[in-house]
Amino acid sequence: MPETIRIRAVAVALRGADVLVVRRHRDDRSYAVLPGGGVEAGETPQQACVRELHEETGLTGVPEQLLPVGVDRDAPAVYFRVRVDDGTPAMPADSPEAQRVTDRNRYEPAWVPVADLDRIGLVPDRARRAVGLAVEGLSGGRPPGSPRPTARPQR
């Protein structure tokens, strides 16, 4: 029987200088992940990205750009920069993750400053690379907050 490879679709949603994460509190560990999960049969990675974003944060979004973060054969994933609708992230009560919440296993979707990703323990490393690529893409390769260059008038 051939081995089945499960591919994850992951959302990188930015709002100003913040990124949308799901803070995890599991047993005695706390860390953060980007919203995402497995691509189901008959689903495109983009569709899975939108579904997982909603299941984990209650927000809806549109994938705008595939982010080239490289391949990890042990945990294949595709990362998309996603434009999300306004709203406060909150996990829907009927989501699969909400069904797994216990005193020792919690999910907390939140907007956090991109500058705090190391402090909150965003994993895996590819997620940090994806956030960096999304920020660069929106700023045209300039640091966030730097002015856009203006074209000089033609003479």
N, C-alpha and C. Protein backbone atom coordinates (compact mmCIF):
# COMPACT_ATOMS: atom_id res chain seq x y z
N MET A 1 0.85 -1.18 0.00
CA MET A 1 0.00 0.00 0.00
C MET A 1 0.90 1.24 0.00
N PRO A 2 0.66 2.19 -0.91
CA PRO A 2 1.50 3.39 -0.95
C PRO A 2 1.29 4.25 0.30
N GLU A 3 2.36 4.92 0.68
CA GLU A 3 2.30 5.81 1.84
C GLU A 3 1.52 7.07 1.48
N THR A 4 0.65 7.50 2.38
CA THR A 4 -0.10 8.74 2.19
C THR A 4 0.67 9.88 2.83
N ILE A 5 0.83 10.95 2.08
CA ILE A 5 1.51 12.13 2.60
C ILE A 5 0.45 13.18 2.88
N ARG A 6 0.39 13.64 4.10
CA ARG A 6 -0.58 14.68 4.49
C ARG A 6 0.08 16.04 4.34
N ILE A 7 -0.53 16.91 3.57
CA ILE A 7 -0.01 18.25 3.34
C ILE A 7 -0.85 19.23 4.15
N ARG A 8 -0.17 20.16 4.79
CA ARG A 8 -0.85 21.21 5.55
C ARG A 8 -0.94 22.48 4.72
N ALA A 9 -2.01 23.23 4.92
CA ALA A 9 -2.18 24.55 4.32
C ALA A 9 -2.22 25.55 5.47
N VAL A 10 -1.39 26.60 5.38
CA VAL A 10 -1.20 27.51 6.51
C VAL A 10 -1.46 28.95 6.06
N ALA A 11 -2.16 29.71 6.91
CA ALA A 11 -2.50 31.10 6.63
C ALA A 11 -1.55 32.05 7.34
N VAL A 12 -1.01 33.01 6.59
CA VAL A 12 -0.23 34.10 7.16
C VAL A 12 -1.06 35.36 6.94
N ALA A 13 -1.74 35.79 7.99
CA ALA A 13 -2.62 36.96 7.92
C ALA A 13 -1.98 38.11 8.67
N LEU A 14 -1.81 39.23 7.98
CA LEU A 14 -1.20 40.42 8.58
C LEU A 14 -2.23 41.53 8.71
N ARG A 15 -2.10 42.28 9.78
CA ARG A 15 -2.92 43.48 9.99
C ARG A 15 -1.99 44.54 10.56
N GLY A 16 -1.56 45.46 9.71
CA GLY A 16 -0.55 46.44 10.15
C GLY A 16 0.73 45.71 10.51
N ALA A 17 1.23 45.91 11.72
CA ALA A 17 2.45 45.26 12.18
C ALA A 17 2.16 44.00 12.98
N ASP A 18 0.92 43.48 12.90
CA ASP A 18 0.53 42.29 13.65
C ASP A 18 0.30 41.11 12.71
N VAL A 19 0.46 39.92 13.27
CA VAL A 19 0.18 38.68 12.54
C VAL A 19 -0.80 37.86 13.38
N LEU A 20 -1.66 37.13 12.70
CA LEU A 20 -2.65 36.30 13.37
C LEU A 20 -2.02 34.95 13.74
N VAL A 21 -2.09 34.60 15.01
CA VAL A 21 -1.55 33.32 15.48
C VAL A 21 -2.60 32.62 16.33
N VAL A 22 -2.34 31.35 16.59
CA VAL A 22 -3.12 30.60 17.56
C VAL A 22 -2.15 30.24 18.67
N ARG A 23 -2.36 30.83 19.83
CA ARG A 23 -1.53 30.49 20.99
C ARG A 23 -2.02 29.16 21.53
N ARG A 24 -1.08 28.26 21.75
CA ARG A 24 -1.41 26.93 22.26
C ARG A 24 -0.88 26.80 23.68
N HIS A 25 -1.70 26.23 24.53
CA HIS A 25 -1.31 25.89 25.89
C HIS A 25 -1.63 24.42 26.02
N ARG A 26 -0.58 23.61 26.04
CA ARG A 26 -0.75 22.16 25.99
C ARG A 26 0.11 21.53 27.07
N ASP A 27 -0.53 20.83 27.98
CA ASP A 27 0.15 20.28 29.14
C ASP A 27 0.87 21.43 29.84
N ASP A 28 2.18 21.37 29.93
CA ASP A 28 2.92 22.44 30.61
C ASP A 28 3.67 23.33 29.63
N ARG A 29 3.31 23.29 28.35
CA ARG A 29 4.01 24.09 27.34
C ARG A 29 3.08 25.14 26.76
N SER A 30 3.69 26.27 26.40
CA SER A 30 2.96 27.32 25.68
C SER A 30 3.78 27.70 24.46
N TYR A 31 3.11 27.82 23.34
CA TYR A 31 3.77 28.19 22.09
C TYR A 31 2.71 28.76 21.17
N ALA A 32 3.10 29.16 19.98
CA ALA A 32 2.14 29.71 19.02
C ALA A 32 2.37 29.06 17.66
N VAL A 33 1.29 28.95 16.90
CA VAL A 33 1.34 28.45 15.53
C VAL A 33 0.52 29.39 14.66
N LEU A 34 0.76 29.32 13.37
CA LEU A 34 -0.10 30.03 12.42
C LEU A 34 -1.34 29.18 12.18
N PRO A 35 -2.48 29.78 11.89
CA PRO A 35 -3.67 28.99 11.61
C PRO A 35 -3.44 28.09 10.39
N GLY A 36 -3.81 26.84 10.50
CA GLY A 36 -3.63 25.93 9.38
C GLY A 36 -3.88 24.50 9.78
N GLY A 37 -3.90 23.63 8.78
CA GLY A 37 -4.11 22.22 9.04
C GLY A 37 -4.12 21.43 7.74
N GLY A 38 -4.49 20.18 7.86
CA GLY A 38 -4.40 19.26 6.74
C GLY A 38 -5.37 19.54 5.61
N VAL A 39 -4.89 19.30 4.39
CA VAL A 39 -5.72 19.39 3.20
C VAL A 39 -6.53 18.10 3.12
N GLU A 40 -7.84 18.23 3.04
CA GLU A 40 -8.71 17.06 2.99
C GLU A 40 -8.93 16.62 1.55
N ALA A 41 -9.35 15.36 1.38
CA ALA A 41 -9.61 14.82 0.04
C ALA A 41 -10.61 15.70 -0.70
N GLY A 42 -10.29 16.01 -1.96
CA GLY A 42 -11.16 16.83 -2.80
C GLY A 42 -11.02 18.32 -2.58
N GLU A 43 -10.10 18.72 -1.73
CA GLU A 43 -9.92 20.12 -1.37
C GLU A 43 -8.60 20.64 -1.95
N THR A 44 -8.58 21.87 -2.43
CA THR A 44 -7.31 22.48 -2.85
C THR A 44 -6.61 23.02 -1.61
N PRO A 45 -5.30 23.24 -1.69
CA PRO A 45 -4.62 23.86 -0.55
C PRO A 45 -5.22 25.22 -0.17
N GLN A 46 -5.64 26.00 -1.17
CA GLN A 46 -6.24 27.30 -0.87
C GLN A 46 -7.55 27.13 -0.10
N GLN A 47 -8.37 26.17 -0.51
CA GLN A 47 -9.63 25.91 0.20
C GLN A 47 -9.37 25.45 1.62
N ALA A 48 -8.37 24.59 1.79
CA ALA A 48 -8.02 24.12 3.14
C ALA A 48 -7.54 25.27 4.01
N CYS A 49 -6.77 26.17 3.42
CA CYS A 49 -6.27 27.33 4.15
C CYS A 49 -7.44 28.18 4.68
N VAL A 50 -8.42 28.45 3.83
CA VAL A 50 -9.58 29.24 4.22
C VAL A 50 -10.39 28.51 5.29
N ARG A 51 -10.61 27.21 5.11
CA ARG A 51 -11.38 26.42 6.08
C ARG A 51 -10.69 26.41 7.44
N GLU A 52 -9.39 26.12 7.45
CA GLU A 52 -8.65 26.06 8.71
C GLU A 52 -8.60 27.42 9.39
N LEU A 53 -8.43 28.48 8.61
CA LEU A 53 -8.43 29.83 9.17
C LEU A 53 -9.73 30.07 9.93
N HIS A 54 -10.86 29.71 9.31
CA HIS A 54 -12.15 29.92 9.97
C HIS A 54 -12.32 29.00 11.19
N GLU A 55 -11.94 27.72 11.05
CA GLU A 55 -12.10 26.79 12.17
C GLU A 55 -11.31 27.22 13.39
N GLU A 56 -10.13 27.80 13.18
CA GLU A 56 -9.25 28.11 14.31
C GLU A 56 -9.38 29.54 14.82
N THR A 57 -9.93 30.45 13.99
CA THR A 57 -9.99 31.86 14.42
C THR A 57 -11.37 32.49 14.27
N GLY A 58 -12.27 31.84 13.55
CA GLY A 58 -13.58 32.42 13.30
C GLY A 58 -13.58 33.48 12.21
N LEU A 59 -12.42 33.78 11.65
CA LEU A 59 -12.30 34.81 10.62
C LEU A 59 -12.36 34.19 9.23
N THR A 60 -12.78 34.97 8.25
CA THR A 60 -12.77 34.52 6.87
C THR A 60 -11.68 35.28 6.13
N GLY A 61 -11.15 34.64 5.11
CA GLY A 61 -10.07 35.27 4.37
C GLY A 61 -9.97 34.76 2.95
N VAL A 62 -9.08 35.42 2.20
CA VAL A 62 -8.83 35.07 0.81
C VAL A 62 -7.32 34.92 0.62
N PRO A 63 -6.85 33.72 0.20
CA PRO A 63 -5.42 33.57 -0.08
C PRO A 63 -5.02 34.47 -1.24
N GLU A 64 -3.96 35.25 -1.03
CA GLU A 64 -3.51 36.19 -2.06
C GLU A 64 -2.18 35.80 -2.68
N GLN A 65 -1.33 35.10 -1.94
CA GLN A 65 0.01 34.81 -2.45
C GLN A 65 0.54 33.54 -1.81
N LEU A 66 1.09 32.65 -2.64
CA LEU A 66 1.81 31.49 -2.15
C LEU A 66 3.20 31.96 -1.71
N LEU A 67 3.61 31.59 -0.51
CA LEU A 67 4.90 32.04 0.03
C LEU A 67 5.93 30.93 -0.10
N PRO A 68 7.04 31.17 -0.80
CA PRO A 68 8.04 30.13 -1.07
C PRO A 68 8.97 29.90 0.13
N VAL A 69 8.52 29.09 1.09
CA VAL A 69 9.31 28.88 2.30
C VAL A 69 10.21 27.66 2.23
N GLY A 70 10.13 26.89 1.16
CA GLY A 70 10.93 25.68 1.06
C GLY A 70 10.12 24.46 1.46
N VAL A 71 10.74 23.31 1.34
CA VAL A 71 10.04 22.04 1.57
C VAL A 71 10.64 21.32 2.76
N ASP A 72 9.79 20.81 3.60
CA ASP A 72 10.18 19.95 4.71
C ASP A 72 9.50 18.61 4.45
N ARG A 73 10.26 17.61 4.09
CA ARG A 73 9.66 16.31 3.72
C ARG A 73 8.94 15.66 4.89
N ASP A 74 9.39 15.96 6.12
CA ASP A 74 8.75 15.35 7.29
C ASP A 74 7.39 15.96 7.60
N ALA A 75 7.20 17.22 7.24
CA ALA A 75 5.94 17.92 7.52
C ALA A 75 5.63 18.87 6.37
N PRO A 76 5.25 18.34 5.19
CA PRO A 76 5.01 19.22 4.04
C PRO A 76 3.87 20.20 4.31
N ALA A 77 4.12 21.45 3.96
CA ALA A 77 3.12 22.50 4.17
C ALA A 77 3.27 23.57 3.11
N VAL A 78 2.15 24.17 2.75
CA VAL A 78 2.16 25.33 1.87
C VAL A 78 1.62 26.51 2.67
N TYR A 79 2.30 27.64 2.51
CA TYR A 79 1.95 28.85 3.26
C TYR A 79 1.41 29.88 2.30
N PHE A 80 0.29 30.50 2.68
CA PHE A 80 -0.33 31.53 1.87
C PHE A 80 -0.44 32.82 2.67
N ARG A 81 -0.07 33.94 2.04
CA ARG A 81 -0.43 35.23 2.62
C ARG A 81 -1.92 35.39 2.37
N VAL A 82 -2.67 35.71 3.41
CA VAL A 82 -4.12 35.75 3.34
C VAL A 82 -4.63 37.12 3.78
N ARG A 83 -5.55 37.67 3.01
CA ARG A 83 -6.25 38.89 3.41
C ARG A 83 -7.47 38.46 4.19
N VAL A 84 -7.59 38.95 5.43
CA VAL A 84 -8.72 38.55 6.28
C VAL A 84 -9.69 39.71 6.44
N ASP A 85 -10.94 39.34 6.68
CA ASP A 85 -11.97 40.32 6.99
C ASP A 85 -11.71 40.89 8.38
N ASP A 86 -12.22 42.09 8.61
CA ASP A 86 -12.10 42.68 9.94
C ASP A 86 -12.86 41.82 10.93
N GLY A 87 -12.42 41.87 12.16
CA GLY A 87 -13.10 41.12 13.20
C GLY A 87 -12.13 40.70 14.27
N THR A 88 -12.68 40.28 15.37
CA THR A 88 -11.88 39.80 16.49
C THR A 88 -11.79 38.29 16.39
N PRO A 89 -10.57 37.74 16.42
CA PRO A 89 -10.47 36.28 16.32
C PRO A 89 -11.05 35.59 17.55
N ALA A 90 -11.84 34.57 17.30
CA ALA A 90 -12.42 33.75 18.36
C ALA A 90 -12.77 32.40 17.75
N MET A 91 -12.31 31.34 18.36
CA MET A 91 -12.55 30.02 17.82
C MET A 91 -14.04 29.67 17.91
N PRO A 92 -14.66 29.29 16.79
CA PRO A 92 -16.07 28.90 16.83
C PRO A 92 -16.27 27.67 17.73
N ALA A 93 -17.37 27.66 18.47
CA ALA A 93 -17.65 26.57 19.41
C ALA A 93 -17.79 25.22 18.72
N ASP A 94 -18.16 25.22 17.43
CA ASP A 94 -18.35 23.95 16.72
C ASP A 94 -17.12 23.50 15.94
N SER A 95 -15.98 24.17 16.10
CA SER A 95 -14.78 23.79 15.35
C SER A 95 -14.17 22.52 15.95
N PRO A 96 -13.45 21.75 15.12
CA PRO A 96 -12.81 20.54 15.64
C PRO A 96 -11.86 20.83 16.80
N GLU A 97 -11.15 21.96 16.74
CA GLU A 97 -10.22 22.30 17.81
C GLU A 97 -10.98 22.58 19.11
N ALA A 98 -12.12 23.27 19.01
CA ALA A 98 -12.91 23.58 20.21
C ALA A 98 -13.38 22.31 20.90
N GLN A 99 -13.60 21.25 20.13
CA GLN A 99 -14.03 19.98 20.71
C GLN A 99 -12.90 19.31 21.50
N ARG A 100 -11.66 19.72 21.24
CA ARG A 100 -10.51 19.13 21.94
C ARG A 100 -10.02 19.97 23.12
N VAL A 101 -10.68 21.07 23.41
CA VAL A 101 -10.25 21.94 24.51
C VAL A 101 -10.52 21.27 25.85
N THR A 102 -9.48 21.29 26.70
CA THR A 102 -9.58 20.81 28.08
C THR A 102 -8.80 21.79 28.95
N ASP A 103 -8.73 21.51 30.24
CA ASP A 103 -7.92 22.35 31.12
C ASP A 103 -6.46 22.32 30.72
N ARG A 104 -6.02 21.23 30.10
CA ARG A 104 -4.60 21.08 29.75
C ARG A 104 -4.34 21.25 28.25
N ASN A 105 -5.35 21.64 27.50
CA ASN A 105 -5.19 21.81 26.05
C ASN A 105 -6.10 22.96 25.60
N ARG A 106 -5.48 24.14 25.38
CA ARG A 106 -6.28 25.31 25.01
C ARG A 106 -5.73 25.95 23.74
N TYR A 107 -6.63 26.61 23.01
CA TYR A 107 -6.31 27.34 21.78
C TYR A 107 -6.78 28.78 21.97
N GLU A 108 -5.91 29.75 21.69
CA GLU A 108 -6.29 31.16 21.83
C GLU A 108 -5.85 31.93 20.59
N PRO A 109 -6.76 32.15 19.62
CA PRO A 109 -6.38 32.95 18.46
C PRO A 109 -6.21 34.41 18.87
N ALA A 110 -5.17 35.05 18.31
CA ALA A 110 -4.89 36.44 18.68
C ALA A 110 -4.02 37.11 17.63
N TRP A 111 -4.17 38.43 17.53
CA TRP A 111 -3.24 39.24 16.75
C TRP A 111 -2.07 39.58 17.66
N VAL A 112 -0.85 39.34 17.20
CA VAL A 112 0.34 39.68 18.00
C VAL A 112 1.31 40.45 17.11
N PRO A 113 2.12 41.32 17.71
CA PRO A 113 3.11 42.04 16.91
C PRO A 113 4.11 41.07 16.27
N VAL A 114 4.43 41.31 15.01
CA VAL A 114 5.43 40.48 14.32
C VAL A 114 6.73 40.47 15.12
N ALA A 115 7.07 41.58 15.75
CA ALA A 115 8.31 41.68 16.53
C ALA A 115 8.32 40.74 17.74
N ASP A 116 7.17 40.22 18.15
CA ASP A 116 7.09 39.35 19.34
C ASP A 116 7.10 37.86 19.02
N LEU A 117 7.30 37.47 17.78
CA LEU A 117 7.17 36.06 17.41
C LEU A 117 8.16 35.17 18.14
N ASP A 118 9.39 35.62 18.34
CA ASP A 118 10.34 34.80 19.10
C ASP A 118 9.89 34.67 20.55
N ARG A 119 9.43 35.77 21.12
CA ARG A 119 9.03 35.76 22.53
C ARG A 119 7.85 34.81 22.79
N ILE A 120 6.91 34.76 21.87
CA ILE A 120 5.74 33.89 22.09
C ILE A 120 5.98 32.46 21.62
N GLY A 121 7.14 32.19 21.02
CA GLY A 121 7.49 30.83 20.63
C GLY A 121 6.77 30.32 19.40
N LEU A 122 6.74 31.13 18.33
CA LEU A 122 6.10 30.67 17.08
C LEU A 122 6.89 29.50 16.51
N VAL A 123 6.21 28.41 16.23
CA VAL A 123 6.82 27.23 15.62
C VAL A 123 5.98 26.83 14.41
N PRO A 124 6.59 26.12 13.45
CA PRO A 124 8.01 25.81 13.29
C PRO A 124 8.78 27.00 12.71
N ASP A 125 10.08 26.81 12.50
CA ASP A 125 10.91 27.88 11.95
C ASP A 125 10.38 28.38 10.60
N ARG A 126 9.84 27.46 9.79
CA ARG A 126 9.31 27.87 8.49
C ARG A 126 8.17 28.87 8.63
N ALA A 127 7.46 28.81 9.74
CA ALA A 127 6.38 29.78 9.96
C ALA A 127 6.95 31.18 10.09
N ARG A 128 8.06 31.31 10.79
CA ARG A 128 8.71 32.63 10.92
C ARG A 128 9.19 33.12 9.56
N ARG A 129 9.75 32.20 8.76
CA ARG A 129 10.18 32.58 7.40
C ARG A 129 8.99 33.04 6.58
N ALA A 130 7.87 32.34 6.69
CA ALA A 130 6.67 32.71 5.93
C ALA A 130 6.18 34.10 6.33
N VAL A 131 6.18 34.39 7.62
CA VAL A 131 5.76 35.73 8.07
C VAL A 131 6.70 36.78 7.50
N GLY A 132 8.00 36.52 7.54
CA GLY A 132 8.97 37.46 6.97
C GLY A 132 8.73 37.71 5.49
N LEU A 133 8.46 36.65 4.75
CA LEU A 133 8.19 36.80 3.31
C LEU A 133 6.90 37.58 3.07
N ALA A 134 5.88 37.34 3.88
CA ALA A 134 4.62 38.06 3.72
C ALA A 134 4.81 39.54 4.01
N VAL A 135 5.57 39.86 5.05
CA VAL A 135 5.83 41.26 5.39
C VAL A 135 6.62 41.93 4.27
N GLU A 136 7.65 41.24 3.76
CA GLU A 136 8.45 41.80 2.66
C GLU A 136 7.58 42.02 1.43
N GLY A 137 6.70 41.08 1.14
CA GLY A 137 5.84 41.20 -0.04
C GLY A 137 4.92 42.40 0.03
N LEU A 138 4.41 42.68 1.21
CA LEU A 138 3.50 43.82 1.37
C LEU A 138 4.24 45.14 1.38
N SER A 139 5.51 45.10 1.80
CA SER A 139 6.25 46.36 1.90
C SER A 139 7.19 46.55 0.71
N GLY A 140 7.12 45.65 -0.28
CA GLY A 140 7.99 45.77 -1.44
C GLY A 140 9.45 45.55 -1.10
N GLY A 141 9.73 44.73 -0.07
CA GLY A 141 11.10 44.44 0.33
C GLY A 141 11.69 45.46 1.29
N ARG A 142 10.89 46.45 1.69
CA ARG A 142 11.36 47.46 2.64
C ARG A 142 10.94 47.06 4.04
N PRO A 143 11.65 47.51 5.06
CA PRO A 143 11.20 47.25 6.42
C PRO A 143 9.81 47.86 6.64
N PRO A 144 8.96 47.20 7.46
CA PRO A 144 7.63 47.75 7.70
C PRO A 144 7.72 49.18 8.23
N GLY A 145 6.84 50.03 7.72
CA GLY A 145 6.81 51.41 8.18
C GLY A 145 7.69 52.35 7.39
N SER A 146 8.57 51.82 6.52
CA SER A 146 9.43 52.72 5.74
C SER A 146 8.63 53.26 4.56
N PRO A 147 8.95 54.48 4.12
CA PRO A 147 8.16 55.09 3.04
C PRO A 147 8.40 54.39 1.70
N ARG A 148 7.38 54.39 0.87
CA ARG A 148 7.52 53.85 -0.48
C ARG A 148 8.27 54.87 -1.33
N PRO A 149 9.16 54.40 -2.20
CA PRO A 149 9.84 55.36 -3.07
C PRO A 149 8.85 55.98 -4.05
N THR A 150 9.09 57.21 -4.40
CA THR A 150 8.21 57.87 -5.37
C THR A 150 8.95 58.00 -6.69
N ALA A 151 8.18 57.90 -7.76
CA ALA A 151 8.78 58.02 -9.09
C ALA A 151 9.09 59.48 -9.37
N ARG A 152 10.21 59.71 -10.02
CA ARG A 152 10.56 61.07 -10.43
C ARG A 152 9.84 61.40 -11.72
N PRO A 153 9.42 62.64 -11.86
CA PRO A 153 8.73 63.01 -13.10
C PRO A 153 9.65 62.86 -14.31
N GLN A 154 9.08 62.42 -15.41
CA GLN A 154 9.83 62.30 -16.67
C GLN A 154 10.08 63.69 -17.23
N ARG A 155 11.24 63.92 -17.79
CA ARG A 155 11.55 65.22 -18.42
C ARG A 155 11.56 65.09 -19.90
